[in-house]
């Protein structure tokens, strides 16, 4: 069987750069080298480069959608996207790959763009019958009043960039006086900021993907942060969070979450592997966000869920490529 050429995109231009590098490293390690030739391409500051094992950096030819290595032109059968944030999770890279005619392992342009915009995504989730925290959006240059914001959503509240991931730029605010600094911090990451109601509950995450055309919901994970909330430091510093897979919840709670996750996966028209995050408050599931390019590193939730479901990661990552190619 002829091996497939896979371009593995990593890096990006967001605060999740290092997370993406970790994800790509694990994906490359697990992809079956008997089936795939893997070419990691770093996207950063407008440059797309492939670093060979011997060291030289080779530019990715964005016009011909290929790599020119010595006298060989390498065309690609599929792109594995491991970029969290822009341009890998917001639809930009997907649009390029659609034009190039290269299948890819994530959601399409429309789904990626809409779900990466938390405000639009929340509106859709509400229309789909899911509970979502009350939210106010502030766009750069708009006037806002801290007192009005605290009265509207209550305290404590969360203040976060509208288009960002890994809790970069997110603050939990307990009083009106803390709102201005939190908004300024969020604006450092994005030109739109969300002020969001605090929902008291247990934080849960549920991965889901498609295998041979059938939606597969992975085991649910409960995340217990030792910090005030599951912030960037808690997510990526060993010992600052406990992740329990499968979550210690009732069978009826688990069933409801799994049904909700499959429902949202289909309604948002998701492709590839996606992770939905929720708060479980009493017996009610509150939608938090969807990650269309979830973490793939050794410490990330989805690979742990895949293992708990009985999947070997070599097979799991291979399934994502096979599904992407079969959908073209």
Protein backbone atom coordinates (compact mmCIF):
# COMPACT_ATOMS: atom_id res chain seq x y z
CA UNK A 1 0.00 0.00 0.00
CA UNK A 2 1.34 3.41 -0.96
CA UNK A 3 1.94 5.69 2.01
CA UNK A 4 -0.08 8.89 2.25
CA UNK A 5 1.58 12.28 2.55
CA UNK A 6 0.23 14.17 5.55
CA UNK A 7 0.98 17.83 6.25
CA UNK A 8 0.81 18.43 10.00
CA UNK A 9 0.09 22.09 10.67
CA UNK A 10 1.23 23.48 14.02
CA UNK A 11 2.08 26.75 15.77
CA UNK A 12 -0.21 29.63 14.90
CA UNK A 13 -0.32 33.21 16.07
CA UNK A 14 -2.26 33.00 19.33
CA UNK A 15 -1.40 32.53 22.99
CA UNK A 16 -1.84 28.78 22.44
CA UNK A 17 1.32 28.47 20.34
CA UNK A 18 3.19 26.25 22.83
CA UNK A 19 0.11 24.08 23.36
CA UNK A 20 -0.07 23.52 19.60
CA UNK A 21 3.58 22.47 19.44
CA UNK A 22 2.92 19.87 22.16
CA UNK A 23 -0.17 18.61 20.35
CA UNK A 24 1.64 18.27 17.03
CA UNK A 25 4.54 16.43 18.65
CA UNK A 26 2.26 13.75 20.05
CA UNK A 27 0.29 13.41 16.81
CA UNK A 28 3.52 12.90 14.85
CA UNK A 29 4.77 10.34 17.35
CA UNK A 30 1.59 8.29 17.11
CA UNK A 31 0.79 8.46 13.41
CA UNK A 32 1.60 5.09 11.84
CA UNK A 33 4.83 5.52 9.85
CA UNK A 34 3.92 2.45 7.80
CA UNK A 35 0.86 4.32 6.49
CA UNK A 36 1.86 7.96 6.51
CA UNK A 37 4.72 10.26 5.56
CA UNK A 38 4.29 13.14 8.01
CA UNK A 39 5.60 16.63 7.26
CA UNK A 40 5.23 19.07 10.20
CA UNK A 41 4.76 22.62 8.92
CA UNK A 42 5.06 25.52 11.34
CA UNK A 43 2.83 28.54 10.73
CA UNK A 44 4.08 31.61 12.58
CA UNK A 45 4.27 35.34 11.82
CA UNK A 46 3.21 34.89 8.22
CA UNK A 47 5.77 32.16 7.49
CA UNK A 48 4.98 28.52 6.71
CA UNK A 49 8.06 26.32 7.13
CA UNK A 50 8.92 22.65 7.21
CA UNK A 51 11.98 21.74 9.24
CA UNK A 52 13.66 18.59 7.97
CA UNK A 53 15.12 16.03 10.33
CA UNK A 54 18.57 17.19 9.23
CA UNK A 55 17.79 20.79 10.16
CA UNK A 56 17.25 22.98 7.05
CA UNK A 57 13.97 24.88 6.91
CA UNK A 58 12.00 24.60 3.69
CA UNK A 59 9.19 27.05 2.89
CA UNK A 60 5.78 25.58 2.19
CA UNK A 61 4.73 26.64 -1.34
CA UNK A 62 1.32 28.23 -0.71
CA UNK A 63 0.69 28.79 -4.40
CA UNK A 64 1.22 25.18 -5.44
CA UNK A 65 0.19 23.73 -2.03
CA UNK A 66 3.30 21.59 -1.75
CA UNK A 67 6.84 21.22 -0.46
CA UNK A 68 9.82 21.24 -2.80
CA UNK A 69 12.43 19.06 -1.14
CA UNK A 70 15.61 18.75 -3.18
CA UNK A 71 14.38 17.69 -6.60
CA UNK A 72 11.13 16.21 -5.31
CA UNK A 73 7.74 17.94 -5.16
CA UNK A 74 5.65 16.64 -2.26
CA UNK A 75 1.88 16.96 -2.72
CA UNK A 76 -0.45 16.17 0.17
CA UNK A 77 -3.28 13.69 0.58
CA UNK A 78 -4.56 15.21 3.83
CA UNK A 79 -3.84 17.95 6.36
CA UNK A 80 -3.84 17.20 10.08
CA UNK A 81 -4.58 20.50 11.83
CA UNK A 82 -3.05 20.82 15.31
CA UNK A 83 -3.21 24.62 15.57
CA UNK A 84 -5.30 25.90 18.47
CA UNK A 85 -6.56 29.42 17.92
CA UNK A 86 -5.87 31.36 14.73
CA UNK A 87 -5.44 30.36 11.93
CA UNK A 88 -6.20 26.70 12.60
CA UNK A 89 -9.37 26.87 14.66
CA UNK A 90 -11.15 29.92 13.23
CA UNK A 91 -11.69 28.75 9.65
CA UNK A 92 -8.81 30.61 7.96
CA UNK A 93 -6.62 27.58 7.34
CA UNK A 94 -9.68 25.53 6.39
CA UNK A 95 -10.55 28.06 3.69
CA UNK A 96 -7.05 27.81 2.23
CA UNK A 97 -7.20 24.01 2.23
CA UNK A 98 -10.61 24.04 0.53
CA UNK A 99 -9.14 26.15 -2.28
CA UNK A 100 -6.13 23.83 -2.47
CA UNK A 101 -8.37 20.76 -2.59
CA UNK A 102 -6.67 19.14 0.41
CA UNK A 103 -8.95 17.33 2.89
CA UNK A 104 -8.40 18.16 6.56
CA UNK A 105 -9.17 16.67 9.95
CA UNK A 106 -11.31 19.44 11.46
CA UNK A 107 -14.68 21.12 11.04
CA UNK A 108 -15.28 23.12 7.86
CA UNK A 109 -14.85 26.88 7.39
CA UNK A 110 -18.34 27.87 8.53
CA UNK A 111 -18.46 25.69 11.64
CA UNK A 112 -14.91 26.63 12.64
CA UNK A 113 -15.54 30.36 12.29
CA UNK A 114 -18.88 30.36 14.10
CA UNK A 115 -17.84 28.15 17.00
CA UNK A 116 -14.56 30.02 17.51
CA UNK A 117 -16.65 33.14 18.07
CA UNK A 118 -18.01 32.35 21.54
CA UNK A 119 -20.76 34.97 21.35
CA UNK A 120 -22.21 33.62 18.08
CA UNK A 121 -21.73 30.05 19.28
CA UNK A 122 -23.63 30.75 22.51
CA UNK A 123 -26.51 32.25 20.55
CA UNK A 124 -26.77 29.14 18.41
CA UNK A 125 -26.52 26.81 21.41
CA UNK A 126 -29.43 28.71 23.00
CA UNK A 127 -31.46 28.23 19.82
CA UNK A 128 -30.65 24.52 19.98
CA UNK A 129 -32.32 24.36 23.42
CA UNK A 130 -29.22 24.36 25.62
CA UNK A 131 -28.75 26.41 28.79
CA UNK A 132 -26.09 29.12 28.36
CA UNK A 133 -24.82 31.70 30.86
CA UNK A 134 -26.04 35.29 30.40
CA UNK A 135 -23.44 37.17 28.37
CA UNK A 136 -22.67 40.75 27.34
CA UNK A 137 -20.26 41.50 24.50
CA UNK A 138 -18.06 44.61 24.41
CA UNK A 139 -16.34 45.55 21.17
CA UNK A 140 -13.15 47.60 21.13
CA UNK A 141 -13.99 51.29 21.10
CA UNK A 142 -17.45 50.83 22.64
CA UNK A 143 -18.33 52.57 25.89
CA UNK A 144 -19.10 50.37 28.89
CA UNK A 145 -19.90 50.84 32.57
CA UNK A 146 -18.55 48.47 35.22
CA UNK A 147 -21.54 48.96 37.52
CA UNK A 148 -23.99 48.22 34.73
CA UNK A 149 -22.08 45.09 33.75
CA UNK A 150 -21.96 43.71 37.28
CA UNK A 151 -25.68 44.38 37.74
CA UNK A 152 -26.51 42.69 34.43
CA UNK A 153 -24.65 39.40 34.91
CA UNK A 154 -24.08 39.34 38.67
CA UNK A 155 -20.93 38.76 40.69
CA UNK A 156 -18.69 36.90 40.58
CA UNK A 157 -18.48 36.85 36.78
CA UNK A 158 -16.08 35.75 34.07
CA UNK A 159 -14.45 38.17 31.66
CA UNK A 160 -12.83 36.62 28.61
CA UNK A 161 -11.74 37.25 25.02
CA UNK A 162 -14.50 36.37 22.57
CA UNK A 163 -12.16 34.51 20.22
CA UNK A 164 -9.47 32.69 22.16
CA UNK A 165 -8.81 29.34 23.82
CA UNK A 166 -6.98 27.61 26.68
CA UNK A 167 -8.40 30.28 29.06
CA UNK A 168 -5.85 32.79 27.74
CA UNK A 169 -6.89 36.26 28.92
CA UNK A 170 -9.72 34.93 31.11
CA UNK A 171 -10.41 36.39 34.58
CA UNK A 172 -12.85 35.57 37.34
CA UNK A 173 -13.95 38.84 38.91
CA UNK A 174 -15.49 39.15 42.37
CA UNK A 175 -16.23 42.87 42.60
CA UNK A 176 -17.01 45.82 40.36
CA UNK A 177 -13.60 47.37 41.00
CA UNK A 178 -11.89 44.40 39.33
CA UNK A 179 -13.82 44.65 36.06
CA UNK A 180 -11.73 47.34 34.25
CA UNK A 181 -8.41 45.50 34.64
CA UNK A 182 -10.00 42.20 33.57
CA UNK A 183 -11.49 43.81 30.46
CA UNK A 184 -8.13 45.34 29.59
CA UNK A 185 -6.45 41.94 29.96
CA UNK A 186 -9.04 40.31 27.69
CA UNK A 187 -8.68 43.07 25.08
CA UNK A 188 -4.97 42.22 24.90
CA UNK A 189 -6.01 38.92 23.26
CA UNK A 190 -8.97 39.98 21.11
CA UNK A 191 -10.93 42.99 19.93
CA UNK A 192 -14.12 41.65 21.51
CA UNK A 193 -14.64 40.83 25.18
CA UNK A 194 -17.36 38.83 26.92
CA UNK A 195 -18.70 39.52 30.39
CA UNK A 196 -20.40 36.33 31.47
CA UNK A 197 -22.59 35.08 34.29
CA UNK A 198 -20.89 32.72 36.76
CA UNK A 199 -22.57 29.32 36.87
CA UNK A 200 -21.82 27.40 40.05
CA UNK A 201 -21.23 23.79 39.16
CA UNK A 202 -18.81 21.03 38.27
CA UNK A 203 -16.77 21.47 35.09
CA UNK A 204 -17.10 18.64 32.58
CA UNK A 205 -15.62 17.91 29.17
CA UNK A 206 -16.84 15.46 26.57
CA UNK A 207 -15.00 14.53 23.39
CA UNK A 208 -16.80 13.31 20.28
CA UNK A 209 -15.74 12.27 16.78
CA UNK A 210 -17.00 10.44 13.72
CA UNK A 211 -15.86 6.91 12.90
CA UNK A 212 -16.94 5.42 9.57
CA UNK A 213 -19.80 7.88 9.40
CA UNK A 214 -21.12 7.19 12.91
CA UNK A 215 -20.84 9.66 15.79
CA UNK A 216 -18.79 8.28 18.70
CA UNK A 217 -19.11 10.05 22.06
CA UNK A 218 -16.09 9.56 24.31
CA UNK A 219 -16.18 9.16 28.12
CA UNK A 220 -16.92 12.31 30.12
CA UNK A 221 -14.16 13.94 32.14
CA UNK A 222 -14.62 16.00 35.29
CA UNK A 223 -12.03 18.72 35.74
CA UNK A 224 -11.25 19.89 39.28
CA UNK A 225 -8.90 22.85 39.34
CA UNK A 226 -6.74 23.66 42.35
CA UNK A 227 -6.76 27.26 41.17
CA UNK A 228 -9.81 29.49 41.45
CA UNK A 229 -10.93 28.18 38.05
CA UNK A 230 -9.53 26.05 35.23
CA UNK A 231 -7.22 28.78 33.90
CA UNK A 232 -4.23 28.47 31.55
CA UNK A 233 -1.84 27.70 34.40
CA UNK A 234 -4.09 24.99 35.83
CA UNK A 235 -4.54 23.44 32.37
CA UNK A 236 -0.86 23.14 31.57
CA UNK A 237 0.94 22.90 34.93
CA UNK A 238 1.21 19.41 36.33
CA UNK A 239 -0.50 19.01 39.67
CA UNK A 240 -2.77 22.07 39.45
CA UNK A 241 -5.81 20.16 38.21
CA UNK A 242 -7.36 16.76 38.72
CA UNK A 243 -9.05 15.13 35.73
CA UNK A 244 -11.36 12.20 36.43
CA UNK A 245 -12.28 9.99 33.47
CA UNK A 246 -14.96 8.73 33.47
CA UNK A 247 -16.54 11.41 35.63
CA UNK A 248 -18.18 10.33 38.88
CA UNK A 249 -21.73 11.22 37.86
CA UNK A 250 -24.98 9.28 37.77
CA UNK A 251 -25.96 7.13 34.81
CA UNK A 252 -28.82 9.50 33.97
CA UNK A 253 -26.49 12.53 34.08
CA UNK A 254 -24.00 10.73 31.86
CA UNK A 255 -26.68 9.72 29.39
CA UNK A 256 -28.02 13.27 29.19
CA UNK A 257 -24.54 14.69 28.57
CA UNK A 258 -23.78 12.14 25.88
CA UNK A 259 -27.08 12.82 24.14
CA UNK A 260 -26.51 16.59 24.39
CA UNK A 261 -22.98 16.25 23.00
CA UNK A 262 -24.12 14.20 20.01
CA UNK A 263 -27.01 16.64 19.45
CA UNK A 264 -24.68 19.67 19.40
CA UNK A 265 -22.06 17.89 17.27
CA UNK A 266 -24.69 17.28 14.62
CA UNK A 267 -26.42 20.67 14.91
CA UNK A 268 -23.12 22.56 14.58
CA UNK A 269 -22.24 20.26 11.65
CA UNK A 270 -18.95 19.26 13.28
CA UNK A 271 -16.31 17.09 11.65
CA UNK A 272 -13.30 15.30 13.12
CA UNK A 273 -12.81 15.22 16.87
CA UNK A 274 -14.35 18.00 18.95
CA UNK A 275 -14.54 18.63 22.69
CA UNK A 276 -17.61 20.17 24.32
CA UNK A 277 -17.21 21.79 27.74
CA UNK A 278 -20.04 22.14 30.24
CA UNK A 279 -20.93 23.05 33.79
CA UNK A 280 -23.07 20.52 35.64
CA UNK A 281 -25.15 22.50 38.13
CA UNK A 282 -27.32 20.14 40.13
CA UNK A 283 -28.78 18.00 37.36
CA UNK A 284 -28.67 20.74 34.73
CA UNK A 285 -26.08 20.86 31.96
CA UNK A 286 -24.90 24.35 30.98
CA UNK A 287 -23.02 24.78 27.71
CA UNK A 288 -19.63 26.47 28.15
CA UNK A 289 -17.87 26.21 24.78
CA UNK A 290 -16.81 23.93 21.96
CA UNK A 291 -13.19 23.26 20.98
CA UNK A 292 -12.99 22.24 17.32
CA UNK A 293 -9.21 21.64 17.61
CA UNK A 294 -8.87 20.19 21.11
CA UNK A 295 -5.48 19.52 22.66
CA UNK A 296 -3.68 16.36 21.55
CA UNK A 297 -0.66 16.46 23.89
CA UNK A 298 0.03 13.75 26.46
CA UNK A 299 -1.65 15.87 29.14
CA UNK A 300 -4.71 16.77 27.07
CA UNK A 301 -8.22 15.57 27.82
CA UNK A 302 -9.28 14.04 24.49
CA UNK A 303 -6.36 11.57 24.15
CA UNK A 304 -7.06 10.41 27.71
CA UNK A 305 -10.74 9.97 26.87
CA UNK A 306 -9.85 8.04 23.71
CA UNK A 307 -7.64 5.69 25.73
CA UNK A 308 -10.40 5.27 28.34
CA UNK A 309 -12.76 4.29 25.52
CA UNK A 310 -10.32 1.58 24.44
CA UNK A 311 -8.75 3.28 21.42
CA UNK A 312 -5.05 3.03 20.70
CA UNK A 313 -3.85 6.54 19.86
CA UNK A 314 -2.13 5.30 16.70
CA UNK A 315 -5.51 4.06 15.49
CA UNK A 316 -7.39 7.07 16.85
CA UNK A 317 -5.32 9.68 15.01
CA UNK A 318 -5.41 7.49 11.92
CA UNK A 319 -9.21 7.37 12.07
CA UNK A 320 -9.31 11.17 11.88
CA UNK A 321 -7.26 11.14 8.67
CA UNK A 322 -9.26 8.33 7.10
CA UNK A 323 -12.55 10.04 7.92
CA UNK A 324 -11.32 13.36 6.48
CA UNK A 325 -10.29 11.71 3.21
CA UNK A 326 -13.48 9.67 2.91
CA UNK A 327 -15.62 12.82 3.26
CA UNK A 328 -14.05 14.54 0.23
